[in-house]
C-alpha atoms as a PDB file:
ATOM      1  CA  MET A   1      23.054   5.831   3.509  1.00  0.00           C
ATOM      2  CA  SER A   2      24.558   8.713   1.733  1.00  0.00           C
ATOM      3  CA  ASP A   3      22.738  11.845   0.654  1.00  0.00           C
ATOM      4  CA  PRO A   4      20.054  10.999  -2.074  1.00  0.00           C
ATOM      5  CA  ALA A   5      21.376  13.775  -4.193  1.00  0.00           C
ATOM      6  CA  GLU A   6      24.416  11.684  -4.870  1.00  0.00           C
ATOM      7  CA  HIS A   7      22.353   8.689  -6.117  1.00  0.00           C
ATOM      8  CA  PRO A   8      19.974   9.204  -9.077  1.00  0.00           C
ATOM      9  CA  SER A   9      17.733   6.420  -7.679  1.00  0.00           C
ATOM     10  CA  ARG A  10      17.123   8.545  -4.537  1.00  0.00           C
ATOM     11  CA  SER A  11      16.889  11.945  -6.140  1.00  0.00           C
ATOM     12  CA  PRO A  12      13.278  13.095  -6.933  1.00  0.00           C
ATOM     13  CA  PRO A  13      12.990  13.389 -10.675  1.00  0.00           C
ATOM     14  CA  VAL A  14      11.586  16.927 -10.216  1.00  0.00           C
ATOM     15  CA  ASP A  15      13.139  20.136  -8.825  1.00  0.00           C
ATOM     16  CA  CYS A  16      11.078  20.678  -5.657  1.00  0.00           C
ATOM     17  CA  ARG A  17      12.862  23.893  -4.907  1.00  0.00           C
ATOM     18  CA  LYS A  18      12.037  25.732  -8.190  1.00  0.00           C
ATOM     19  CA  GLY A  19      10.708  29.344  -7.372  1.00  0.00           C
ATOM     20  CA  GLU A  20      11.364  29.042  -3.636  1.00  0.00           C
ATOM     21  CA  GLY A  21      14.669  30.813  -3.463  1.00  0.00           C
ATOM     22  CA  PRO A  22      18.009  29.304  -2.207  1.00  0.00           C
ATOM     23  CA  PRO A  23      17.742  26.381   0.315  1.00  0.00           C
ATOM     24  CA  ASP A  24      18.611  26.814   4.021  1.00  0.00           C
ATOM     25  CA  ASN A  25      21.885  25.114   4.522  1.00  0.00           C
ATOM     26  CA  SER A  26      20.894  23.999   8.057  1.00  0.00           C
ATOM     27  CA  VAL A  27      17.786  22.400   6.756  1.00  0.00           C
ATOM     28  CA  GLU A  28      19.858  20.726   3.958  1.00  0.00           C
ATOM     29  CA  ALA A  29      22.337  19.381   6.471  1.00  0.00           C
ATOM     30  CA  LEU A  30      19.561  18.085   8.793  1.00  0.00           C
ATOM     31  CA  THR A  31      17.746  16.517   5.814  1.00  0.00           C
ATOM     32  CA  ALA A  32      20.881  14.669   4.683  1.00  0.00           C
ATOM     33  CA  ARG A  33      21.446  13.374   8.209  1.00  0.00           C
ATOM     34  CA  LEU A  34      17.999  12.135   8.537  1.00  0.00           C
ATOM     35  CA  LEU A  35      17.961  10.419   5.159  1.00  0.00           C
ATOM     36  CA  GLU A  36      21.162   8.554   6.139  1.00  0.00           C
ATOM     37  CA  GLU A  37      19.556   7.653   9.470  1.00  0.00           C
ATOM     38  CA  MET A  38      16.439   6.349   7.787  1.00  0.00           C
ATOM     39  CA  GLY A  39      18.377   4.174   5.471  1.00  0.00           C
ATOM     40  CA  ALA A  40      20.548   2.732   8.315  1.00  0.00           C
ATOM     41  CA  ALA A  41      17.381   1.943  10.289  1.00  0.00           C
ATOM     42  CA  TRP A  42      15.853  -0.074   7.408  1.00  0.00           C
ATOM     43  CA  GLN A  43      19.103  -1.926   6.936  1.00  0.00           C
ATOM     44  CA  ARG A  44      18.754  -3.015  10.610  1.00  0.00           C
ATOM     45  CA  GLY A  45      15.382  -4.364   9.912  1.00  0.00           C
ATOM     46  CA  GLU A  46      13.348  -1.413  11.285  1.00  0.00           C
ATOM     47  CA  ARG A  47      10.683   0.177   9.363  1.00  0.00           C
ATOM     48  CA  PRO A  48      10.607   3.958  10.289  1.00  0.00           C
ATOM     49  CA  ARG A  49       8.158   6.061   8.411  1.00  0.00           C
ATOM     50  CA  ALA A  50       8.710   9.729   7.063  1.00  0.00           C
ATOM     51  CA  GLU A  51       6.344  10.934   9.800  1.00  0.00           C
ATOM     52  CA  ASP A  52       8.647   9.705  12.564  1.00  0.00           C
ATOM     53  CA  PHE A  53      11.435  12.005  11.359  1.00  0.00           C
ATOM     54  CA  LEU A  54       9.135  14.909  10.718  1.00  0.00           C
ATOM     55  CA  ASP A  55       7.575  14.728  14.181  1.00  0.00           C
ATOM     56  CA  ARG A  56      10.932  14.609  15.742  1.00  0.00           C
ATOM     57  CA  HIS A  57      11.918  17.792  13.886  1.00  0.00           C
ATOM     58  CA  PRO A  58       8.564  19.669  13.590  1.00  0.00           C
ATOM     59  CA  GLN A  59      10.255  22.495  11.738  1.00  0.00           C
ATOM     60  CA  LEU A  60      10.516  20.242   8.647  1.00  0.00           C
ATOM     61  CA  TRP A  61       6.718  20.098   8.325  1.00  0.00           C
ATOM     62  CA  GLU A  62       7.229  23.738   7.033  1.00  0.00           C
ATOM     63  CA  GLN A  63       9.985  22.843   4.608  1.00  0.00           C
ATOM     64  CA  PRO A  64       8.250  21.091   1.652  1.00  0.00           C
ATOM     65  CA  GLU A  65      11.379  20.147  -0.112  1.00  0.00           C
ATOM     66  CA  ALA A  66      12.950  18.415   2.896  1.00  0.00           C
ATOM     67  CA  ALA A  67       9.751  16.784   3.761  1.00  0.00           C
ATOM     68  CA  VAL A  68       9.126  15.314   0.349  1.00  0.00           C
ATOM     69  CA  ARG A  69      12.697  14.066   0.064  1.00  0.00           C
ATOM     70  CA  LEU A  70      12.024  11.981   3.311  1.00  0.00           C
ATOM     71  CA  VAL A  71       8.702  10.707   2.045  1.00  0.00           C
ATOM     72  CA  TYR A  72      10.474   9.724  -1.249  1.00  0.00           C
ATOM     73  CA  GLU A  73      13.330   8.020   0.486  1.00  0.00           C
ATOM     74  CA  GLU A  74      10.812   5.926   2.437  1.00  0.00           C
ATOM     75  CA  VAL A  75       9.063   5.006  -0.689  1.00  0.00           C
ATOM     76  CA  CYS A  76      12.329   3.722  -2.268  1.00  0.00           C
ATOM     77  CA  LEU A  77      13.268   1.790   0.825  1.00  0.00           C
ATOM     78  CA  ARG A  78       9.983   0.105   0.999  1.00  0.00           C
ATOM     79  CA  GLU A  79      10.086  -0.834  -2.573  1.00  0.00           C
ATOM     80  CA  GLU A  80      13.646  -2.207  -2.215  1.00  0.00           C
ATOM     81  CA  ALA A  81      12.211  -4.278   0.834  1.00  0.00           C
ATOM     82  CA  GLY A  82       9.449  -5.780  -1.620  1.00  0.00           C
ATOM     83  CA  GLU A  83       6.660  -3.788   0.039  1.00  0.00           C
ATOM     84  CA  PRO A  84       3.845  -2.453  -2.241  1.00  0.00           C
ATOM     85  CA  VAL A  85       3.660   1.239  -2.233  1.00  0.00           C
ATOM     86  CA  PRO A  86       0.467   2.555  -3.749  1.00  0.00           C
ATOM     87  CA  PRO A  87       0.922   6.221  -4.763  1.00  0.00           C
ATOM     88  CA  GLU A  88      -2.601   7.070  -3.452  1.00  0.00           C
ATOM     89  CA  ASP A  89      -1.714   5.927   0.063  1.00  0.00           C
ATOM     90  CA  VAL A  90       1.389   8.123   0.007  1.00  0.00           C
ATOM     91  CA  VAL A  91      -0.670  11.111  -0.972  1.00  0.00           C
ATOM     92  CA  ARG A  92      -3.363  10.478   1.470  1.00  0.00           C
ATOM     93  CA  ARG A  93      -0.752  10.480   4.266  1.00  0.00           C
ATOM     94  CA  PHE A  94       0.571  13.776   3.155  1.00  0.00           C
ATOM     95  CA  PRO A  95      -2.254  15.741   1.640  1.00  0.00           C
ATOM     96  CA  ARG A  96      -0.579  19.237   2.059  1.00  0.00           C
ATOM     97  CA  TRP A  97       1.991  18.103  -0.542  1.00  0.00           C
ATOM     98  CA  ARG A  98      -0.390  16.450  -2.783  1.00  0.00           C
ATOM     99  CA  ASP A  99       0.732  18.221  -6.060  1.00  0.00           C
ATOM    100  CA  ARG A 100       4.253  17.615  -5.404  1.00  0.00           C
ATOM    101  CA  LEU A 101       4.059  14.001  -4.483  1.00  0.00           C
ATOM    102  CA  GLU A 102       1.636  13.182  -7.383  1.00  0.00           C
ATOM    103  CA  VAL A 103       4.253  14.559  -9.937  1.00  0.00           C
ATOM    104  CA  LEU A 104       7.078  12.891  -8.115  1.00  0.00           C
ATOM    105  CA  LEU A 105       5.527   9.546  -7.879  1.00  0.00           C
ATOM    106  CA  ASP A 106       4.289   9.703 -11.572  1.00  0.00           C
ATOM    107  CA  CYS A 107       7.886  10.330 -12.597  1.00  0.00           C
ATOM    108  CA  HIS A 108       9.050   7.633 -10.298  1.00  0.00           C
ATOM    109  CA  GLY A 109       6.690   5.222 -11.806  1.00  0.00           C
ATOM    110  CA  LEU A 110       7.713   6.036 -15.394  1.00  0.00           C
ATOM    111  CA  LEU A 111      11.443   5.572 -14.529  1.00  0.00           C
ATOM    112  CA  ARG A 112      11.085   2.309 -12.705  1.00  0.00           C
ATOM    113  CA  PRO A 113      11.447  -0.809 -14.830  1.00  0.00           C
ATOM    114  CA  ALA A 114       8.453  -2.873 -15.252  1.00  0.00           C
ATOM    115  CA  PRO A 115       8.575  -6.302 -13.608  1.00  0.00           C
ATOM    116  CA  ALA A 116       9.124  -9.216 -15.984  1.00  0.00           C
ATOM    117  CA  PRO A 117       5.865 -11.102 -17.134  1.00  0.00           C
ATOM    118  CA  VAL A 118       5.287 -14.341 -15.433  1.00  0.00           C
ATOM    119  CA  PHE A 119       3.899 -16.758 -18.099  1.00  0.00           C
ATOM    120  CA  PRO A 120       2.043 -19.822 -17.231  1.00  0.00           C
ATOM    121  CA  ALA A 121       2.592 -23.266 -18.575  1.00  0.00           C
ATOM    122  CA  PRO A 122       0.206 -25.832 -20.246  1.00  0.00           C
ATOM    123  CA  GLY A 123      -1.860 -27.607 -17.743  1.00  0.00           C
ATOM    124  CA  GLU A 124      -2.377 -24.585 -15.504  1.00  0.00           C
ATOM    125  CA  THR A 125      -5.695 -22.793 -15.169  1.00  0.00           C
ATOM    126  CA  LEU A 126      -5.915 -18.993 -15.762  1.00  0.00           C
ATOM    127  CA  HIS A 127      -9.105 -17.058 -15.191  1.00  0.00           C
ATOM    128  CA  GLY A 128     -11.128 -20.116 -15.454  1.00  0.00           C
ATOM    129  CA  LEU A 129      -9.447 -21.291 -18.657  1.00  0.00           C
ATOM    130  CA  ARG A 130      -7.459 -24.462 -18.772  1.00  0.00           C
ATOM    131  CA  LEU A 131      -4.330 -24.087 -20.845  1.00  0.00           C
ATOM    132  CA  ALA A 132      -4.197 -27.213 -23.056  1.00  0.00           C
ATOM    133  CA  ALA A 133      -1.187 -26.456 -25.170  1.00  0.00           C
ATOM    134  CA  GLU A 134       1.166 -23.690 -26.336  1.00  0.00           C
ATOM    135  CA  LEU A 135       0.604 -22.787 -29.935  1.00  0.00           C
ATOM    136  CA  GLY A 136       3.492 -20.338 -30.429  1.00  0.00           C
ATOM    137  CA  ARG A 137       5.430 -17.550 -28.921  1.00  0.00           C
ATOM    138  CA  GLY A 138       7.321 -14.383 -29.894  1.00  0.00           C
ATOM    139  CA  THR A 139       9.635 -11.890 -28.274  1.00  0.00           C
ATOM    140  CA  GLN A 140       6.808 -10.373 -26.233  1.00  0.00           C
ATOM    141  CA  GLY A 141       3.951 -12.860 -25.866  1.00  0.00           C
ATOM    142  CA  ARG A 142       2.739 -16.425 -26.075  1.00  0.00           C
ATOM    143  CA  VAL A 143      -0.309 -18.038 -27.526  1.00  0.00           C
ATOM    144  CA  PHE A 144      -2.099 -20.985 -25.942  1.00  0.00           C
ATOM    145  CA  LEU A 145      -4.977 -23.186 -26.843  1.00  0.00           C
ATOM    146  CA  ALA A 146      -7.259 -23.250 -23.912  1.00  0.00           C
ATOM    147  CA  THR A 147     -10.711 -24.749 -22.925  1.00  0.00           C
ATOM    148  CA  GLN A 148     -13.508 -23.106 -21.007  1.00  0.00           C
ATOM    149  CA  PRO A 149     -14.972 -25.837 -18.582  1.00  0.00           C
ATOM    150  CA  ALA A 150     -17.788 -23.387 -17.743  1.00  0.00           C
ATOM    151  CA  LEU A 151     -18.917 -23.421 -21.409  1.00  0.00           C
ATOM    152  CA  ALA A 152     -18.903 -27.150 -22.125  1.00  0.00           C
ATOM    153  CA  GLY A 153     -15.128 -27.115 -22.681  1.00  0.00           C
ATOM    154  CA  ARG A 154     -15.255 -24.672 -25.591  1.00  0.00           C
ATOM    155  CA  PRO A 155     -11.840 -24.237 -27.235  1.00  0.00           C
ATOM    156  CA  VAL A 156     -10.489 -20.731 -27.336  1.00  0.00           C
ATOM    157  CA  VAL A 157      -7.140 -19.098 -27.996  1.00  0.00           C
ATOM    158  CA  LEU A 158      -5.559 -17.168 -25.178  1.00  0.00           C
ATOM    159  CA  LYS A 159      -2.767 -14.743 -26.098  1.00  0.00           C
ATOM    160  CA  LEU A 160      -0.637 -13.472 -23.274  1.00  0.00           C
ATOM    161  CA  THR A 161       1.431 -10.252 -23.513  1.00  0.00           C
ATOM    162  CA  PRO A 162       2.913  -7.785 -21.164  1.00  0.00           C
ATOM    163  CA  ARG A 163       0.481  -5.238 -19.828  1.00  0.00           C
ATOM    164  CA  ASP A 164       2.179  -2.204 -21.614  1.00  0.00           C
ATOM    165  CA  GLY A 165       0.721  -3.024 -25.065  1.00  0.00           C
ATOM    166  CA  SER A 166      -2.329  -1.567 -26.680  1.00  0.00           C
ATOM    167  CA  GLU A 167      -3.138  -4.478 -29.174  1.00  0.00           C
ATOM    168  CA  HIS A 168      -6.490  -5.129 -27.411  1.00  0.00           C
ATOM    169  CA  ALA A 169      -7.751  -1.671 -28.082  1.00  0.00           C
ATOM    170  CA  ALA A 170      -7.005  -1.911 -31.710  1.00  0.00           C
ATOM    171  CA  LEU A 171      -8.498  -5.364 -31.994  1.00  0.00           C
ATOM    172  CA  ALA A 172     -11.696  -4.359 -30.229  1.00  0.00           C
ATOM    173  CA  ARG A 173     -12.325  -1.564 -32.846  1.00  0.00           C
ATOM    174  CA  LEU A 174     -11.697  -3.844 -35.869  1.00  0.00           C
ATOM    175  CA  GLN A 175     -14.555  -5.856 -37.477  1.00  0.00           C
ATOM    176  CA  HIS A 176     -13.516  -7.790 -40.628  1.00  0.00           C
ATOM    177  CA  THR A 177     -13.906 -11.323 -42.036  1.00  0.00           C
ATOM    178  CA  HIS A 178     -10.198 -11.746 -42.170  1.00  0.00           C
ATOM    179  CA  ILE A 179      -9.415 -10.574 -38.606  1.00  0.00           C
ATOM    180  CA  VAL A 180      -9.937 -12.703 -35.677  1.00  0.00           C
ATOM    181  CA  PRO A 181     -12.409 -11.114 -33.229  1.00  0.00           C
ATOM    182  CA  LEU A 182     -11.545 -10.461 -29.688  1.00  0.00           C
ATOM    183  CA  TYR A 183     -13.897 -12.023 -27.138  1.00  0.00           C
ATOM    184  CA  TRP A 184     -12.503 -10.188 -24.123  1.00  0.00           C
ATOM    185  CA  ALA A 185      -9.376  -8.761 -22.556  1.00  0.00           C
ATOM    186  CA  GLU A 186      -8.218  -8.680 -18.957  1.00  0.00           C
ATOM    187  CA  ASP A 187      -5.136  -7.698 -17.002  1.00  0.00           C
ATOM    188  CA  LEU A 188      -3.256  -9.875 -14.469  1.00  0.00           C
ATOM    189  CA  PRO A 189      -1.256  -7.353 -12.404  1.00  0.00           C
ATOM    190  CA  ASP A 190       0.248 -10.015 -10.275  1.00  0.00           C
ATOM    191  CA  ARG A 191       1.865 -11.561 -13.322  1.00  0.00           C
ATOM    192  CA  ASN A 192       2.288  -8.344 -15.348  1.00  0.00           C
ATOM    193  CA  LEU A 193       0.284  -9.943 -18.171  1.00  0.00           C
ATOM    194  CA  ARG A 194      -2.688  -8.929 -20.400  1.00  0.00           C
ATOM    195  CA  MET A 195      -4.941 -11.789 -21.508  1.00  0.00           C
ATOM    196  CA  LEU A 196      -6.621 -11.653 -25.050  1.00  0.00           C
ATOM    197  CA  CYS A 197      -9.195 -14.238 -25.498  1.00  0.00           C
ATOM    198  CA  MET A 198     -10.169 -15.128 -29.133  1.00  0.00           C
ATOM    199  CA  PRO A 199     -11.960 -17.964 -30.937  1.00  0.00           C
ATOM    200  CA  TYR A 200     -10.065 -21.132 -31.860  1.00  0.00           C
ATOM    201  CA  LEU A 201     -10.377 -21.585 -35.633  1.00  0.00           C
ATOM    202  CA  GLY A 202      -8.439 -24.823 -36.047  1.00  0.00           C
ATOM    203  CA  GLY A 203      -4.863 -25.749 -36.326  1.00  0.00           C
ATOM    204  CA  ALA A 204      -4.084 -25.068 -39.977  1.00  0.00           C
ATOM    205  CA  THR A 205      -1.117 -22.772 -40.627  1.00  0.00           C
ATOM    206  CA  LEU A 206      -0.966 -20.396 -43.489  1.00  0.00           C
ATOM    207  CA  ALA A 207       2.045 -22.337 -44.897  1.00  0.00           C
ATOM    208  CA  ARG A 208      -0.225 -25.491 -44.987  1.00  0.00           C
ATOM    209  CA  VAL A 209      -3.051 -23.605 -46.608  1.00  0.00           C
ATOM    210  CA  LEU A 210      -0.781 -22.232 -49.278  1.00  0.00           C
ATOM    211  CA  ALA A 211       0.673 -25.724 -49.913  1.00  0.00           C
ATOM    212  CA  LEU A 212      -2.825 -27.177 -50.490  1.00  0.00           C
ATOM    213  CA  LEU A 213      -3.622 -24.370 -52.945  1.00  0.00           C
ATOM    214  CA  ARG A 214      -0.421 -24.106 -54.770  1.00  0.00           C
ATOM    215  CA  ASP A 215      -1.908 -25.871 -57.872  1.00  0.00           C
ATOM    216  CA  ARG A 216      -4.821 -23.498 -58.054  1.00  0.00           C
ATOM    217  CA  PRO A 217      -4.962 -20.107 -59.795  1.00  0.00           C
ATOM    218  CA  ALA A 218      -4.886 -17.063 -57.481  1.00  0.00           C
ATOM    219  CA  ALA A 219      -8.294 -16.004 -58.797  1.00  0.00           C
END
């Protein structure tokens, strides 16, 4: 694997050297070689950790920039292999670089594209609700008619959207006769979905209501 500085996906999105003076070329060369060695090992199916390389070269424990680059390379390789990488676990392993790693991993999370939401289909059960039918869908979400077996099969509406929205917070603050109330909201991280549960008020559409009232005065 080549030097992470040549690949934006491998370069930490913060300047870890700021305020520390010019880098030591020998440390730079050693770090580049270790990054390449780590990548090659993962390609062979091995799973070396940053500590393995730092322990082999103890002088790097005193070189924060080099050490953090090795840690970040491991994070990227683990994610490419499909392994979960909780930021708190990384920080716990390297408490001496907590501040650097927290900023770096925050930036990494912002730059990483969110996984596509995994929507269910009618007939499936989600959070104790049986999805009876799909009522509609838009560019971001889908709306289902569902029943609650635990509450005598009560019908409810379940709106599913990606987790990056804030509609649930807005709905929770609104109380008005003409706004459908929100029963509860919950996230499903494994599906990257947010569930909004609301009362089912029947199957009439606005177009149908307007058609029935077209001969009546607006007043």
